[in-house]
Amino acid sequence: MRRTAIIFSLLFVISIPFDQIIGSDNTQSVEQLSNDTATDGTVINKRSVHRTGSRDTEWYSTLVDSSKNGYGAYLETPNPLAYSIDNGWVAVYRQWGGFDATAGYIGVAQSEDGEEWYVEQRVNTAYPEGVEEPDLPTATGTPQGRYPSAAVSSEQNSATAIWNEYTNGSNGGGTYGGRPMFVFDFFALGEQSNFSSVYNLNNGCATFPCDPPDLWNGNIQMVDGDDGTTRLFAAYNSWAGGTDAHMIRSLNI
């Protein structure tokens, strides 16, 4: 069995009602890059995908996209990469929007084979209540996505992105206004995509401030049950209470 290592280019800069659809005009096919180094250094060169074999594995690397302040990808709590058995991969991350742009845009990439990736740009520019950037209830009026996770069901095979927004305290509650949100793709994994509008994961955000308030750094899992029902489970810490933990579970997906 081939083992696949997927390497993301991360640029670090110091400093379920389904009634609305975001069109797929932002979807981009990603140029494939490969690793041609079999020794200590890892150099990514623009060329066709190259496979380097060894005694026990076959691997390649692909540049998917660029991320700004993508430290959440190596923390132990979020799940930025998800796999649908025999169907493909989903990656969710804080997307690079330029040196002067916010670090809070959320991008979604999906692939059937781990080689060719399709990227959905900036899925969080509008909030569930209908307000859009540059008038979002954040310190800058722009999206402030944090701690993104990917989820996908091996039964339904559609990409889902979950993250929390860093909003004003009067919106998300508490000091930091943590507000969990999600989007999902109406299409199966692959080149075609049709992402939903943004939804609240915390149904206590129907009125503001949210209750429970200030939820951050979620651990997300999508589970296919023996009864044929797929459910999403999310565990969050409330930064308003310091150590309060909250579990969110969908009825079904």
Protein backbone atom coordinates (compact mmCIF):
# COMPACT_ATOMS: atom_id res chain seq x y z
CA MET A 1 0.00 0.00 0.00
CA ARG A 2 1.37 3.41 -0.91
CA ARG A 3 1.85 5.85 1.91
CA THR A 4 1.22 9.44 0.97
CA ALA A 5 2.89 12.47 2.53
CA ILE A 6 1.26 15.79 1.72
CA ILE A 7 3.36 18.88 2.39
CA PHE A 8 1.66 22.27 2.65
CA SER A 9 3.46 25.52 1.94
CA LEU A 10 2.77 27.68 5.00
CA LEU A 11 3.84 31.31 4.98
CA PHE A 12 4.19 32.50 8.57
CA VAL A 13 4.04 36.26 9.09
CA ILE A 14 4.92 37.73 12.48
CA SER A 15 3.01 40.54 13.37
CA ILE A 16 -27.56 22.02 9.06
CA PRO A 17 -31.21 24.87 6.99
CA PHE A 18 -29.47 24.87 3.63
CA ASP A 19 -30.95 27.80 1.77
CA GLN A 20 -28.10 29.93 0.46
CA ILE A 21 -25.26 28.92 -1.78
CA ILE A 22 -21.90 30.53 -2.43
CA GLY A 23 -21.02 29.94 -6.06
CA SER A 24 -17.91 28.08 -7.07
CA ASP A 25 -16.29 30.83 -9.14
CA ASN A 26 -13.45 30.97 -6.62
CA THR A 27 -12.43 27.35 -7.11
CA GLN A 28 -8.94 27.01 -8.56
CA SER A 29 -6.97 24.05 -9.79
CA VAL A 30 -3.58 23.99 -8.09
CA GLU A 31 -0.40 23.54 -10.06
CA GLN A 32 1.44 20.41 -9.00
CA LEU A 33 4.93 20.70 -7.56
CA SER A 34 7.23 17.90 -6.55
CA ASN A 35 10.12 17.08 -4.28
CA ASP A 36 13.22 16.08 -6.21
CA THR A 37 15.48 15.77 -3.20
CA ALA A 38 16.23 12.37 -1.66
CA THR A 39 18.80 13.60 0.87
CA ASP A 40 18.71 16.03 3.78
CA GLY A 41 17.21 19.12 2.14
CA THR A 42 13.68 19.39 0.87
CA VAL A 43 13.48 21.45 -2.32
CA ILE A 44 10.18 21.95 -4.10
CA ASN A 45 10.62 22.41 -7.83
CA LYS A 46 8.08 23.32 -10.48
CA ARG A 47 7.72 20.26 -12.66
CA SER A 48 5.41 17.33 -13.22
CA VAL A 49 4.77 15.12 -10.21
CA HIS A 50 7.82 12.99 -9.50
CA ARG A 51 7.67 9.86 -7.39
CA THR A 52 10.70 8.86 -5.37
CA GLY A 53 10.69 5.25 -4.23
CA SER A 54 12.44 3.56 -1.34
CA ARG A 55 12.41 0.09 0.14
CA ASP A 56 9.15 0.56 2.01
CA THR A 57 7.28 3.61 0.72
CA GLU A 58 6.46 5.80 -2.24
CA TRP A 59 5.90 9.51 -1.67
CA TYR A 60 5.51 12.86 -3.37
CA SER A 61 4.83 16.43 -2.32
CA THR A 62 2.35 18.92 -3.73
CA LEU A 63 2.07 22.65 -3.11
CA VAL A 64 -1.61 23.16 -2.30
CA ASP A 65 -1.84 26.82 -1.28
CA SER A 66 -0.23 29.37 1.03
CA SER A 67 -1.30 30.10 4.58
CA LYS A 68 -0.89 33.16 6.79
CA ASN A 69 -0.34 32.59 10.52
CA GLY A 70 -1.13 28.92 10.01
CA TYR A 71 0.10 27.78 13.42
CA GLY A 72 -3.18 25.97 14.07
CA ALA A 73 -2.11 23.30 11.59
CA TYR A 74 0.46 21.87 13.99
CA LEU A 75 -1.45 22.21 17.24
CA GLU A 76 -2.82 19.00 18.72
CA THR A 77 -6.47 20.09 18.96
CA PRO A 78 -7.68 21.16 15.47
CA ASN A 79 -7.91 18.65 12.63
CA PRO A 80 -6.84 20.59 9.53
CA LEU A 81 -6.72 17.50 7.29
CA ALA A 82 -9.51 14.94 6.85
CA TYR A 83 -9.75 11.80 4.71
CA SER A 84 -12.76 10.13 3.14
CA ILE A 85 -12.06 6.43 2.65
CA ASP A 86 -11.34 5.69 -1.02
CA ASN A 87 -12.64 9.15 -1.98
CA GLY A 88 -10.03 11.75 -1.11
CA TRP A 89 -8.77 14.51 1.13
CA VAL A 90 -9.99 17.82 2.57
CA ALA A 91 -7.67 20.51 3.98
CA VAL A 92 -8.82 23.67 5.79
CA TYR A 93 -6.46 26.49 6.73
CA ARG A 94 -6.02 30.24 7.26
CA GLN A 95 -5.51 31.43 3.72
CA TRP A 96 -2.90 33.87 2.47
CA GLY A 97 -4.58 37.04 1.21
CA GLY A 98 -1.57 39.32 0.84
CA PHE A 99 0.87 41.08 3.16
CA ASP A 100 -1.61 43.77 4.13
CA ALA A 101 -4.70 41.54 4.26
CA THR A 102 -6.24 39.97 7.33
CA ALA A 103 -4.88 36.65 8.56
CA GLY A 104 -8.44 35.47 9.14
CA TYR A 105 -9.55 34.24 5.71
CA ILE A 106 -10.44 30.54 5.62
CA GLY A 107 -9.55 28.43 2.58
CA VAL A 108 -10.69 24.91 1.70
CA ALA A 109 -8.77 22.53 -0.56
CA GLN A 110 -9.96 19.12 -1.72
CA SER A 111 -8.44 16.33 -3.75
CA GLU A 112 -9.45 12.89 -4.89
CA ASP A 113 -5.92 11.54 -5.23
CA GLY A 114 -3.69 13.77 -3.10
CA GLU A 115 -1.93 15.08 -6.22
CA GLU A 116 -4.36 17.47 -7.89
CA TRP A 117 -6.02 19.92 -5.50
CA TYR A 118 -8.90 22.36 -5.96
CA VAL A 119 -9.02 25.42 -3.72
CA GLU A 120 -12.03 27.40 -2.57
CA GLN A 121 -11.13 30.97 -1.68
CA ARG A 122 -12.22 32.96 1.38
CA VAL A 123 -15.32 31.07 2.47
CA ASN A 124 -15.90 33.25 5.55
CA THR A 125 -16.45 36.75 4.16
CA ALA A 126 -20.11 36.83 5.32
CA TYR A 127 -21.61 35.82 8.67
CA PRO A 128 -24.86 33.86 9.20
CA GLU A 129 -26.85 36.99 10.10
CA GLY A 130 -26.10 38.42 6.64
CA VAL A 131 -23.41 40.99 7.47
CA GLU A 132 -20.34 40.98 5.20
CA GLU A 133 -16.82 42.35 5.23
CA PRO A 134 -15.80 45.14 5.76
CA ASP A 135 -18.66 45.43 8.27
CA LEU A 136 -18.23 42.20 10.24
CA PRO A 137 -18.46 42.40 14.06
CA THR A 138 -14.69 42.08 14.47
CA ALA A 139 -11.98 44.54 15.47
CA THR A 140 -11.19 45.32 11.81
CA GLY A 141 -14.50 44.53 10.13
CA THR A 142 -12.79 41.74 8.18
CA PRO A 143 -12.95 37.95 8.68
CA GLN A 144 -10.99 36.70 11.68
CA GLY A 145 -11.06 32.91 11.32
CA ARG A 146 -9.00 30.90 13.80
CA TYR A 147 -8.20 27.22 14.52
CA PRO A 148 -9.73 25.70 11.35
CA SER A 149 -10.59 22.02 11.05
CA ALA A 150 -11.61 19.79 8.15
CA ALA A 151 -14.27 17.10 8.26
CA VAL A 152 -15.67 14.70 5.69
CA SER A 153 -17.98 11.70 5.81
CA SER A 154 -16.91 8.56 3.96
CA GLU A 155 -20.61 7.96 3.29
CA GLN A 156 -21.58 11.40 1.98
CA ASN A 157 -18.13 12.39 0.73
CA SER A 158 -18.59 16.18 0.94
CA ALA A 159 -16.08 18.66 2.35
CA THR A 160 -16.91 20.54 5.55
CA ALA A 161 -14.85 23.36 7.08
CA ILE A 162 -15.20 24.34 10.75
CA TRP A 163 -13.43 27.16 12.57
CA ASN A 164 -14.07 29.86 15.15
CA GLU A 165 -14.19 33.57 14.43
CA TYR A 166 -12.48 36.09 16.70
CA THR A 167 -15.37 38.56 17.06
CA ASN A 168 -16.18 41.45 19.35
CA GLY A 169 -17.18 40.46 22.88
CA SER A 170 -20.65 41.89 22.33
CA ASN A 171 -21.08 39.38 19.49
CA GLY A 172 -19.39 36.10 20.42
CA GLY A 173 -19.41 36.76 24.16
CA GLY A 174 -16.66 36.89 26.74
CA THR A 175 -13.43 38.78 26.21
CA TYR A 176 -12.40 37.34 22.84
CA GLY A 177 -15.74 36.68 21.16
CA GLY A 178 -14.99 33.13 20.01
CA ARG A 179 -17.78 32.05 17.66
CA PRO A 180 -17.72 28.60 15.95
CA MET A 181 -18.91 28.50 12.33
CA PHE A 182 -18.94 26.07 9.41
CA VAL A 183 -19.55 25.71 5.69
CA PHE A 184 -20.04 22.58 3.59
CA ASP A 185 -19.85 21.63 -0.07
CA PHE A 186 -23.02 20.43 -1.79
CA PHE A 187 -20.86 18.47 -4.27
CA ALA A 188 -18.75 15.39 -3.64
CA LEU A 189 -14.97 15.69 -3.39
CA GLY A 190 -13.39 16.78 -6.63
CA GLU A 191 -13.07 19.66 -9.05
CA GLN A 192 -16.67 20.83 -8.90
CA SER A 193 -17.77 22.63 -5.74
CA ASN A 194 -20.75 24.61 -4.50
CA PHE A 195 -20.20 25.78 -0.95
CA SER A 196 -22.99 26.76 1.39
CA SER A 197 -23.27 30.05 3.18
CA VAL A 198 -21.71 30.26 6.64
CA TYR A 199 -23.65 28.74 9.56
CA ASN A 200 -23.30 28.97 13.33
CA LEU A 201 -22.10 25.75 14.93
CA ASN A 202 -23.15 27.12 18.31
CA ASN A 203 -26.96 27.48 18.16
CA GLY A 204 -26.66 29.78 21.16
CA CYS A 205 -25.56 32.46 18.69
CA ALA A 206 -29.11 33.01 17.45
CA THR A 207 -29.00 36.08 19.71
CA PHE A 208 -25.98 38.03 20.92
CA PRO A 209 -23.82 37.67 22.83
CA CYS A 210 -23.58 33.93 22.20
CA ASP A 211 -24.47 31.48 24.98
CA PRO A 212 -22.31 29.60 25.80
CA PRO A 213 -19.87 32.41 25.09
CA ASP A 214 -16.38 32.71 23.66
CA LEU A 215 -15.78 29.18 22.31
CA TRP A 216 -12.29 28.51 20.93
CA ASN A 217 -9.93 25.89 19.56
CA GLY A 218 -12.39 23.15 18.69
CA ASN A 219 -11.64 19.47 18.23
CA ILE A 220 -13.88 18.26 15.40
CA GLN A 221 -14.81 14.75 14.27
CA MET A 222 -17.35 13.55 11.73
CA VAL A 223 -18.56 10.03 12.51
CA ASP A 224 -20.39 7.60 10.23
CA GLY A 225 -22.62 5.53 12.52
CA ASP A 226 -23.65 1.90 12.16
CA ASP A 227 -27.23 3.10 11.70
CA GLY A 228 -26.27 4.91 8.50
CA THR A 229 -26.44 8.34 10.14
CA THR A 230 -23.51 10.74 9.98
CA ARG A 231 -22.98 13.10 12.90
CA LEU A 232 -20.53 15.87 13.66
CA PHE A 233 -19.01 16.13 17.13
CA ALA A 234 -17.17 19.22 18.35
CA ALA A 235 -15.50 19.94 21.69
CA TYR A 236 -14.70 23.55 22.59
CA ASN A 237 -13.20 25.47 25.49
CA SER A 238 -14.92 28.64 26.65
CA TRP A 239 -12.30 31.31 27.18
CA ALA A 240 -14.91 33.33 29.06
CA GLY A 241 -14.91 30.80 31.89
CA GLY A 242 -11.27 29.84 31.66
CA THR A 243 -11.58 26.06 31.54
CA ASP A 244 -15.26 25.40 30.79
CA ALA A 245 -15.64 22.69 28.12
CA HIS A 246 -18.63 22.30 25.81
CA MET A 247 -19.64 19.46 23.49
CA ILE A 248 -21.65 20.20 20.35
CA ARG A 249 -23.30 17.35 18.46
CA SER A 250 -25.38 17.51 15.32
CA LEU A 251 -28.61 15.50 15.12
CA ASN A 252 -27.58 14.27 11.69
CA ILE A 253 -25.87 15.51 8.54
